[in-house]
Amino acid sequence: MRLKGKRAFVTAAGQGIGRAIVERFLQEGAEVTATDLHAGLMDGLDCATFALDVLDKAALQQAITDAAPDILVNCAGVVHAGTVEQATDADFDLAMNLNVRSQFHAVQAAVPGMLERGGGSIVNIASAASSVKGFPNRFIYGTSKAAVIGLTKAVAADYVTRGIRSNCIAPGTVDSPSLHQRLEATGDYDKAMREFVARQPMGRLGTAQEIADLTVYLGSDESAYMTGQCVAIDGGTTT
């Protein structure tokens, strides 16, 4: 029970990585508040759940203040395909708002309570497609996830002596509902899946459970000496 006695707040908890994190946190004894834009996706989770739009600053920050988390996990995000030539202002704005601004607002709300309680752990979901590595057709996404890494490190530097740790995870391609939706959108699911798998040096996709296991470590006291880090878990893609 590595998280026993800790309260956690998780966004985008309805499916994929977010849901796997909630399930693992519960297994490890955490008291979890799980949120998602679509409440129905969280059916079956044995914890407090409610619908939350992370783009609604007031609602997001109030929810976090009320939950008083020791661990904040920012999972909400969106993936846009395309190059800089294909990027639109609307898509860029959405990615920066959902992938970056929502994390900024969430961290901003969590920090005061963490300071009052003597510390806490912030875990942001970034991506291997970021400042870690450039990927084709991921201009907007890579830009936004690079910002997540910068945000994470800045928070870590500001609170390193005050008990708050801030780290992020940079997953490679993970088998998730959102991935399958993107593959379907290509018009040739099987071909797209083969291409995604082929670019993984390990020859397979990652699993949401593998990301969740790493999140448990970063949220727990086992990683007490670790802050300001971006941990790649990508099957060797960025080796």
C-alpha atoms as a PDB file:
ATOM      1  CA  MET A   1       0.000   0.000   0.000  1.00  0.00           C
ATOM      2  CA  ARG A   2       2.526   2.548  -1.220  1.00  0.00           C
ATOM      3  CA  LEU A   3       0.031   5.433  -1.309  1.00  0.00           C
ATOM      4  CA  LYS A   4      -1.909   4.711   1.874  1.00  0.00           C
ATOM      5  CA  GLY A   5      -2.974   7.916   3.612  1.00  0.00           C
ATOM      6  CA  LYS A   6      -2.475  10.081   0.507  1.00  0.00           C
ATOM      7  CA  ARG A   7      -5.183  11.952  -1.381  1.00  0.00           C
ATOM      8  CA  ALA A   8      -4.890  12.095  -5.163  1.00  0.00           C
ATOM      9  CA  PHE A   9      -6.630  14.151  -7.839  1.00  0.00           C
ATOM     10  CA  VAL A  10      -6.580  12.826 -11.416  1.00  0.00           C
ATOM     11  CA  THR A  11      -7.887  14.472 -14.594  1.00  0.00           C
ATOM     12  CA  ALA A  12      -9.002  12.622 -17.756  1.00  0.00           C
ATOM     13  CA  ALA A  13      -9.648   9.547 -15.614  1.00  0.00           C
ATOM     14  CA  GLY A  14     -12.310   7.970 -17.805  1.00  0.00           C
ATOM     15  CA  GLN A  15     -10.138   5.822 -20.039  1.00  0.00           C
ATOM     16  CA  GLY A  16      -6.613   4.991 -21.114  1.00  0.00           C
ATOM     17  CA  ILE A  17      -3.723   6.245 -19.018  1.00  0.00           C
ATOM     18  CA  GLY A  18      -5.888   8.285 -16.658  1.00  0.00           C
ATOM     19  CA  ARG A  19      -8.163   5.410 -15.739  1.00  0.00           C
ATOM     20  CA  ALA A  20      -5.232   3.028 -15.313  1.00  0.00           C
ATOM     21  CA  ILE A  21      -3.626   5.511 -12.925  1.00  0.00           C
ATOM     22  CA  VAL A  22      -6.778   5.777 -10.828  1.00  0.00           C
ATOM     23  CA  GLU A  23      -7.095   1.995 -10.633  1.00  0.00           C
ATOM     24  CA  ARG A  24      -3.454   1.577  -9.579  1.00  0.00           C
ATOM     25  CA  PHE A  25      -3.690   4.394  -7.037  1.00  0.00           C
ATOM     26  CA  LEU A  26      -6.714   2.727  -5.464  1.00  0.00           C
ATOM     27  CA  GLN A  27      -4.848  -0.576  -5.316  1.00  0.00           C
ATOM     28  CA  GLU A  28      -2.034   1.209  -3.493  1.00  0.00           C
ATOM     29  CA  GLY A  29      -4.356   2.676  -0.870  1.00  0.00           C
ATOM     30  CA  ALA A  30      -4.809   6.261  -2.079  1.00  0.00           C
ATOM     31  CA  GLU A  31      -8.019   8.220  -1.598  1.00  0.00           C
ATOM     32  CA  VAL A  32      -8.723   9.306  -5.165  1.00  0.00           C
ATOM     33  CA  THR A  33     -10.839  12.023  -6.736  1.00  0.00           C
ATOM     34  CA  ALA A  34     -11.261  11.094 -10.400  1.00  0.00           C
ATOM     35  CA  THR A  35     -12.536  13.567 -12.989  1.00  0.00           C
ATOM     36  CA  ASP A  36     -13.270  13.474 -16.685  1.00  0.00           C
ATOM     37  CA  LEU A  37     -15.171  15.562 -19.196  1.00  0.00           C
ATOM     38  CA  HIS A  38     -17.571  12.617 -19.583  1.00  0.00           C
ATOM     39  CA  ALA A  39     -18.776  11.286 -16.234  1.00  0.00           C
ATOM     40  CA  GLY A  40     -20.093   8.049 -17.733  1.00  0.00           C
ATOM     41  CA  LEU A  41     -16.604   6.938 -18.702  1.00  0.00           C
ATOM     42  CA  MET A  42     -15.739   6.647 -15.015  1.00  0.00           C
ATOM     43  CA  ASP A  43     -18.453   4.111 -14.222  1.00  0.00           C
ATOM     44  CA  GLY A  44     -17.040   1.292 -12.149  1.00  0.00           C
ATOM     45  CA  LEU A  45     -14.311   3.291 -10.424  1.00  0.00           C
ATOM     46  CA  ASP A  46     -14.480   2.805  -6.664  1.00  0.00           C
ATOM     47  CA  CYS A  47     -13.800   6.398  -5.699  1.00  0.00           C
ATOM     48  CA  ALA A  48     -15.222   9.901  -5.881  1.00  0.00           C
ATOM     49  CA  THR A  49     -15.916  10.804  -9.514  1.00  0.00           C
ATOM     50  CA  PHE A  50     -17.503  13.748 -11.267  1.00  0.00           C
ATOM     51  CA  ALA A  51     -17.595  15.455 -14.636  1.00  0.00           C
ATOM     52  CA  LEU A  52     -15.094  18.261 -15.020  1.00  0.00           C
ATOM     53  CA  ASP A  53     -14.024  20.396 -17.958  1.00  0.00           C
ATOM     54  CA  VAL A  54     -10.393  21.269 -17.241  1.00  0.00           C
ATOM     55  CA  LEU A  55     -10.748  24.261 -19.575  1.00  0.00           C
ATOM     56  CA  ASP A  56     -13.102  25.795 -16.996  1.00  0.00           C
ATOM     57  CA  LYS A  57     -10.524  27.441 -14.742  1.00  0.00           C
ATOM     58  CA  ALA A  58     -12.892  28.286 -11.916  1.00  0.00           C
ATOM     59  CA  ALA A  59     -14.406  24.799 -11.775  1.00  0.00           C
ATOM     60  CA  LEU A  60     -11.027  23.073 -12.035  1.00  0.00           C
ATOM     61  CA  GLN A  61      -9.386  25.139  -9.337  1.00  0.00           C
ATOM     62  CA  GLN A  62     -12.348  24.857  -6.967  1.00  0.00           C
ATOM     63  CA  ALA A  63     -12.423  21.091  -7.411  1.00  0.00           C
ATOM     64  CA  ILE A  64      -8.736  20.809  -6.597  1.00  0.00           C
ATOM     65  CA  THR A  65      -9.002  23.125  -3.610  1.00  0.00           C
ATOM     66  CA  ASP A  66     -11.892  21.056  -2.261  1.00  0.00           C
ATOM     67  CA  ALA A  67     -10.077  17.741  -2.830  1.00  0.00           C
ATOM     68  CA  ALA A  68      -6.889  18.988  -1.111  1.00  0.00           C
ATOM     69  CA  PRO A  69      -4.669  16.468  -2.918  1.00  0.00           C
ATOM     70  CA  ASP A  70      -1.257  15.283  -1.805  1.00  0.00           C
ATOM     71  CA  ILE A  71      -0.772  14.009  -5.360  1.00  0.00           C
ATOM     72  CA  LEU A  72      -1.926  15.866  -8.466  1.00  0.00           C
ATOM     73  CA  VAL A  73      -1.912  13.987 -11.773  1.00  0.00           C
ATOM     74  CA  ASN A  74      -2.568  16.038 -14.908  1.00  0.00           C
ATOM     75  CA  CYS A  75      -3.628  13.653 -17.689  1.00  0.00           C
ATOM     76  CA  ALA A  76      -6.008  15.715 -19.819  1.00  0.00           C
ATOM     77  CA  GLY A  77      -4.760  16.386 -23.320  1.00  0.00           C
ATOM     78  CA  VAL A  78      -5.355  16.290 -27.036  1.00  0.00           C
ATOM     79  CA  VAL A  79      -3.243  15.070 -29.978  1.00  0.00           C
ATOM     80  CA  HIS A  80      -3.182  16.983 -33.244  1.00  0.00           C
ATOM     81  CA  ALA A  81      -1.551  15.573 -36.367  1.00  0.00           C
ATOM     82  CA  GLY A  82       0.176  17.638 -39.026  1.00  0.00           C
ATOM     83  CA  THR A  83       3.157  19.830 -39.849  1.00  0.00           C
ATOM     84  CA  VAL A  84       3.625  23.546 -39.216  1.00  0.00           C
ATOM     85  CA  GLU A  85       2.213  24.214 -42.688  1.00  0.00           C
ATOM     86  CA  GLN A  86      -0.970  22.377 -41.816  1.00  0.00           C
ATOM     87  CA  ALA A  87      -1.387  23.859 -38.344  1.00  0.00           C
ATOM     88  CA  THR A  88      -4.266  26.221 -37.670  1.00  0.00           C
ATOM     89  CA  ASP A  89      -4.560  28.857 -34.982  1.00  0.00           C
ATOM     90  CA  ALA A  90      -7.677  27.136 -33.660  1.00  0.00           C
ATOM     91  CA  ASP A  91      -5.915  23.789 -33.228  1.00  0.00           C
ATOM     92  CA  PHE A  92      -2.849  25.454 -31.736  1.00  0.00           C
ATOM     93  CA  ASP A  93      -4.984  27.348 -29.238  1.00  0.00           C
ATOM     94  CA  LEU A  94      -6.886  24.219 -28.224  1.00  0.00           C
ATOM     95  CA  ALA A  95      -3.681  22.241 -27.693  1.00  0.00           C
ATOM     96  CA  MET A  96      -2.041  24.953 -25.635  1.00  0.00           C
ATOM     97  CA  ASN A  97      -5.190  25.470 -23.571  1.00  0.00           C
ATOM     98  CA  LEU A  98      -5.896  21.803 -22.922  1.00  0.00           C
ATOM     99  CA  ASN A  99      -2.370  20.386 -22.795  1.00  0.00           C
ATOM    100  CA  VAL A 100      -0.642  23.274 -21.027  1.00  0.00           C
ATOM    101  CA  ARG A 101      -2.948  25.924 -19.591  1.00  0.00           C
ATOM    102  CA  SER A 102      -5.111  23.382 -17.776  1.00  0.00           C
ATOM    103  CA  GLN A 103      -1.995  21.976 -16.099  1.00  0.00           C
ATOM    104  CA  PHE A 104      -0.910  25.488 -15.144  1.00  0.00           C
ATOM    105  CA  HIS A 105      -4.295  26.165 -13.554  1.00  0.00           C
ATOM    106  CA  ALA A 106      -4.348  22.789 -11.792  1.00  0.00           C
ATOM    107  CA  VAL A 107      -0.868  23.215 -10.331  1.00  0.00           C
ATOM    108  CA  GLN A 108      -1.676  26.778  -9.314  1.00  0.00           C
ATOM    109  CA  ALA A 109      -4.667  25.516  -7.344  1.00  0.00           C
ATOM    110  CA  ALA A 110      -2.870  22.565  -5.744  1.00  0.00           C
ATOM    111  CA  VAL A 111       0.280  24.329  -4.525  1.00  0.00           C
ATOM    112  CA  PRO A 112      -1.178  26.436  -1.656  1.00  0.00           C
ATOM    113  CA  GLY A 113      -2.731  23.419   0.047  1.00  0.00           C
ATOM    114  CA  MET A 114       0.374  21.329  -0.480  1.00  0.00           C
ATOM    115  CA  LEU A 115       2.446  24.038   1.165  1.00  0.00           C
ATOM    116  CA  GLU A 116       0.078  24.152   4.129  1.00  0.00           C
ATOM    117  CA  ARG A 117       0.316  20.387   4.573  1.00  0.00           C
ATOM    118  CA  GLY A 118       4.098  20.331   4.214  1.00  0.00           C
ATOM    119  CA  GLY A 119       4.475  19.008   0.693  1.00  0.00           C
ATOM    120  CA  GLY A 120       3.073  17.061  -2.211  1.00  0.00           C
ATOM    121  CA  SER A 121       3.820  15.460  -5.559  1.00  0.00           C
ATOM    122  CA  ILE A 122       2.781  16.801  -8.963  1.00  0.00           C
ATOM    123  CA  VAL A 123       2.895  14.418 -11.925  1.00  0.00           C
ATOM    124  CA  ASN A 124       2.224  15.841 -15.380  1.00  0.00           C
ATOM    125  CA  ILE A 125       1.742  13.724 -18.487  1.00  0.00           C
ATOM    126  CA  ALA A 126       4.028  15.040 -21.221  1.00  0.00           C
ATOM    127  CA  SER A 127       5.159  12.975 -24.220  1.00  0.00           C
ATOM    128  CA  ALA A 128       8.208  11.613 -25.960  1.00  0.00           C
ATOM    129  CA  ALA A 129       7.008  13.896 -28.776  1.00  0.00           C
ATOM    130  CA  SER A 130       8.162  17.149 -27.206  1.00  0.00           C
ATOM    131  CA  SER A 131      11.518  18.743 -26.464  1.00  0.00           C
ATOM    132  CA  VAL A 132      12.696  15.156 -25.857  1.00  0.00           C
ATOM    133  CA  LYS A 133      12.395  14.260 -29.549  1.00  0.00           C
ATOM    134  CA  GLY A 134      10.819  15.676 -32.664  1.00  0.00           C
ATOM    135  CA  PHE A 135       8.325  13.420 -34.445  1.00  0.00           C
ATOM    136  CA  PRO A 136       6.943  13.869 -37.966  1.00  0.00           C
ATOM    137  CA  ASN A 137       3.418  15.265 -38.196  1.00  0.00           C
ATOM    138  CA  ARG A 138       3.289  16.289 -34.539  1.00  0.00           C
ATOM    139  CA  PHE A 139       4.089  20.002 -34.743  1.00  0.00           C
ATOM    140  CA  ILE A 140       1.320  21.312 -32.490  1.00  0.00           C
ATOM    141  CA  TYR A 141       1.363  18.350 -30.121  1.00  0.00           C
ATOM    142  CA  GLY A 142       5.145  18.339 -29.727  1.00  0.00           C
ATOM    143  CA  THR A 143       5.167  22.080 -29.098  1.00  0.00           C
ATOM    144  CA  SER A 144       2.539  21.833 -26.383  1.00  0.00           C
ATOM    145  CA  LYS A 145       4.179  18.865 -24.667  1.00  0.00           C
ATOM    146  CA  ALA A 146       7.541  20.631 -24.696  1.00  0.00           C
ATOM    147  CA  ALA A 147       5.787  23.405 -22.775  1.00  0.00           C
ATOM    148  CA  VAL A 148       4.562  20.831 -20.243  1.00  0.00           C
ATOM    149  CA  ILE A 149       8.157  19.804 -19.584  1.00  0.00           C
ATOM    150  CA  GLY A 150       9.170  23.426 -19.099  1.00  0.00           C
ATOM    151  CA  LEU A 151       6.239  24.008 -16.757  1.00  0.00           C
ATOM    152  CA  THR A 152       7.160  20.932 -14.741  1.00  0.00           C
ATOM    153  CA  LYS A 153      10.768  21.952 -14.303  1.00  0.00           C
ATOM    154  CA  ALA A 154       9.904  25.551 -13.407  1.00  0.00           C
ATOM    155  CA  VAL A 155       7.540  24.422 -10.652  1.00  0.00           C
ATOM    156  CA  ALA A 156      10.159  21.992  -9.355  1.00  0.00           C
ATOM    157  CA  ALA A 157      12.747  24.756  -9.133  1.00  0.00           C
ATOM    158  CA  ASP A 158      10.410  27.109  -7.293  1.00  0.00           C
ATOM    159  CA  TYR A 159       9.389  24.614  -4.606  1.00  0.00           C
ATOM    160  CA  VAL A 160      12.372  22.285  -4.283  1.00  0.00           C
ATOM    161  CA  THR A 161      13.077  23.494  -0.724  1.00  0.00           C
ATOM    162  CA  ARG A 162       9.420  23.587   0.320  1.00  0.00           C
ATOM    163  CA  GLY A 163       8.384  19.967   0.060  1.00  0.00           C
ATOM    164  CA  ILE A 164       6.628  20.001  -3.311  1.00  0.00           C
ATOM    165  CA  ARG A 165       8.026  17.759  -6.018  1.00  0.00           C
ATOM    166  CA  SER A 166       7.145  18.201  -9.681  1.00  0.00           C
ATOM    167  CA  ASN A 167       7.942  15.583 -12.310  1.00  0.00           C
ATOM    168  CA  CYS A 168       6.514  14.584 -15.665  1.00  0.00           C
ATOM    169  CA  ILE A 169       6.196  11.405 -17.689  1.00  0.00           C
ATOM    170  CA  ALA A 170       6.980  11.255 -21.402  1.00  0.00           C
ATOM    171  CA  PRO A 171       5.220   8.194 -22.796  1.00  0.00           C
ATOM    172  CA  GLY A 172       5.855   6.782 -26.224  1.00  0.00           C
ATOM    173  CA  THR A 173       2.944   5.333 -28.173  1.00  0.00           C
ATOM    174  CA  VAL A 174       0.526   3.740 -25.716  1.00  0.00           C
ATOM    175  CA  ASP A 175      -2.307   1.375 -26.582  1.00  0.00           C
ATOM    176  CA  SER A 176      -5.354   3.397 -25.578  1.00  0.00           C
ATOM    177  CA  PRO A 177      -8.843   4.301 -26.810  1.00  0.00           C
ATOM    178  CA  SER A 178      -7.611   7.670 -28.044  1.00  0.00           C
ATOM    179  CA  LEU A 179      -4.886   5.982 -30.115  1.00  0.00           C
ATOM    180  CA  HIS A 180      -7.418   3.684 -31.738  1.00  0.00           C
ATOM    181  CA  GLN A 181      -9.584   6.690 -32.585  1.00  0.00           C
ATOM    182  CA  ARG A 182      -6.626   8.379 -34.280  1.00  0.00           C
ATOM    183  CA  LEU A 183      -5.811   5.209 -36.196  1.00  0.00           C
ATOM    184  CA  GLU A 184      -9.404   4.957 -37.406  1.00  0.00           C
ATOM    185  CA  ALA A 185      -9.249   8.588 -38.512  1.00  0.00           C
ATOM    186  CA  THR A 186      -6.410   7.806 -40.923  1.00  0.00           C
ATOM    187  CA  GLY A 187      -8.791   5.811 -43.099  1.00  0.00           C
ATOM    188  CA  ASP A 188      -6.581   2.725 -43.010  1.00  0.00           C
ATOM    189  CA  TYR A 189      -6.505   1.426 -39.452  1.00  0.00           C
ATOM    190  CA  ASP A 190      -4.403  -1.670 -40.086  1.00  0.00           C
ATOM    191  CA  LYS A 191      -1.727   0.180 -42.044  1.00  0.00           C
ATOM    192  CA  ALA A 192      -1.545   2.934 -39.416  1.00  0.00           C
ATOM    193  CA  MET A 193      -1.259   0.399 -36.607  1.00  0.00           C
ATOM    194  CA  ARG A 194       1.594  -1.413 -38.371  1.00  0.00           C
ATOM    195  CA  GLU A 195       3.426   1.871 -38.825  1.00  0.00           C
ATOM    196  CA  PHE A 196       2.988   2.855 -35.177  1.00  0.00           C
ATOM    197  CA  VAL A 197       4.254  -0.506 -33.959  1.00  0.00           C
ATOM    198  CA  ALA A 198       7.149  -0.525 -36.439  1.00  0.00           C
ATOM    199  CA  ARG A 199       8.588   2.705 -35.091  1.00  0.00           C
ATOM    200  CA  GLN A 200       8.852   1.251 -31.568  1.00  0.00           C
ATOM    201  CA  PRO A 201      12.322  -0.264 -31.070  1.00  0.00           C
ATOM    202  CA  MET A 202      10.790  -2.890 -28.758  1.00  0.00           C
ATOM    203  CA  GLY A 203       8.364  -3.855 -31.501  1.00  0.00           C
ATOM    204  CA  ARG A 204       5.235  -3.219 -29.452  1.00  0.00           C
ATOM    205  CA  LEU A 205       3.106  -0.438 -28.025  1.00  0.00           C
ATOM    206  CA  GLY A 206       3.221   0.557 -24.394  1.00  0.00           C
ATOM    207  CA  THR A 207       0.339  -0.165 -22.040  1.00  0.00           C
ATOM    208  CA  ALA A 208      -1.582   2.251 -19.861  1.00  0.00           C
ATOM    209  CA  GLN A 209      -0.760   0.034 -16.887  1.00  0.00           C
ATOM    210  CA  GLU A 210       2.971   0.557 -17.456  1.00  0.00           C
ATOM    211  CA  ILE A 211       2.486   4.318 -17.327  1.00  0.00           C
ATOM    212  CA  ALA A 212       0.342   3.942 -14.215  1.00  0.00           C
ATOM    213  CA  ASP A 213       3.045   1.945 -12.439  1.00  0.00           C
ATOM    214  CA  LEU A 214       5.532   4.748 -13.038  1.00  0.00           C
ATOM    215  CA  THR A 215       2.997   7.298 -11.800  1.00  0.00           C
ATOM    216  CA  VAL A 216       2.633   5.385  -8.534  1.00  0.00           C
ATOM    217  CA  TYR A 217       6.387   5.635  -8.029  1.00  0.00           C
ATOM    218  CA  LEU A 218       6.465   9.371  -8.751  1.00  0.00           C
ATOM    219  CA  GLY A 219       3.484  10.012  -6.501  1.00  0.00           C
ATOM    220  CA  SER A 220       4.845   7.960  -3.610  1.00  0.00           C
ATOM    221  CA  ASP A 221       7.513   8.715  -1.040  1.00  0.00           C
ATOM    222  CA  GLU A 222       9.767   6.223  -2.826  1.00  0.00           C
ATOM    223  CA  SER A 223      10.715   9.048  -5.205  1.00  0.00           C
ATOM    224  CA  ALA A 224      11.245  11.601  -2.426  1.00  0.00           C
ATOM    225  CA  TYR A 225      14.685  12.581  -3.778  1.00  0.00           C
ATOM    226  CA  MET A 226      13.386  13.159  -7.296  1.00  0.00           C
ATOM    227  CA  THR A 227      12.036  16.408  -8.715  1.00  0.00           C
ATOM    228  CA  GLY A 228      12.195  18.389 -11.942  1.00  0.00           C
ATOM    229  CA  GLN A 229      12.591  15.263 -14.049  1.00  0.00           C
ATOM    230  CA  CYS A 230      11.008  14.188 -17.311  1.00  0.00           C
ATOM    231  CA  VAL A 231      10.954  10.395 -17.357  1.00  0.00           C
ATOM    232  CA  ALA A 232      10.670   8.783 -20.795  1.00  0.00           C
ATOM    233  CA  ILE A 233       8.840   5.457 -20.906  1.00  0.00           C
ATOM    234  CA  ASP A 234       8.748   4.761 -24.612  1.00  0.00           C
ATOM    235  CA  GLY A 235      10.081   1.337 -25.497  1.00  0.00           C
ATOM    236  CA  GLY A 236      13.445   2.785 -26.455  1.00  0.00           C
ATOM    237  CA  THR A 237      12.108   5.327 -28.948  1.00  0.00           C
ATOM    238  CA  THR A 238      14.276   8.129 -27.563  1.00  0.00           C
ATOM    239  CA  THR A 239      17.312   5.993 -26.750  1.00  0.00           C
END
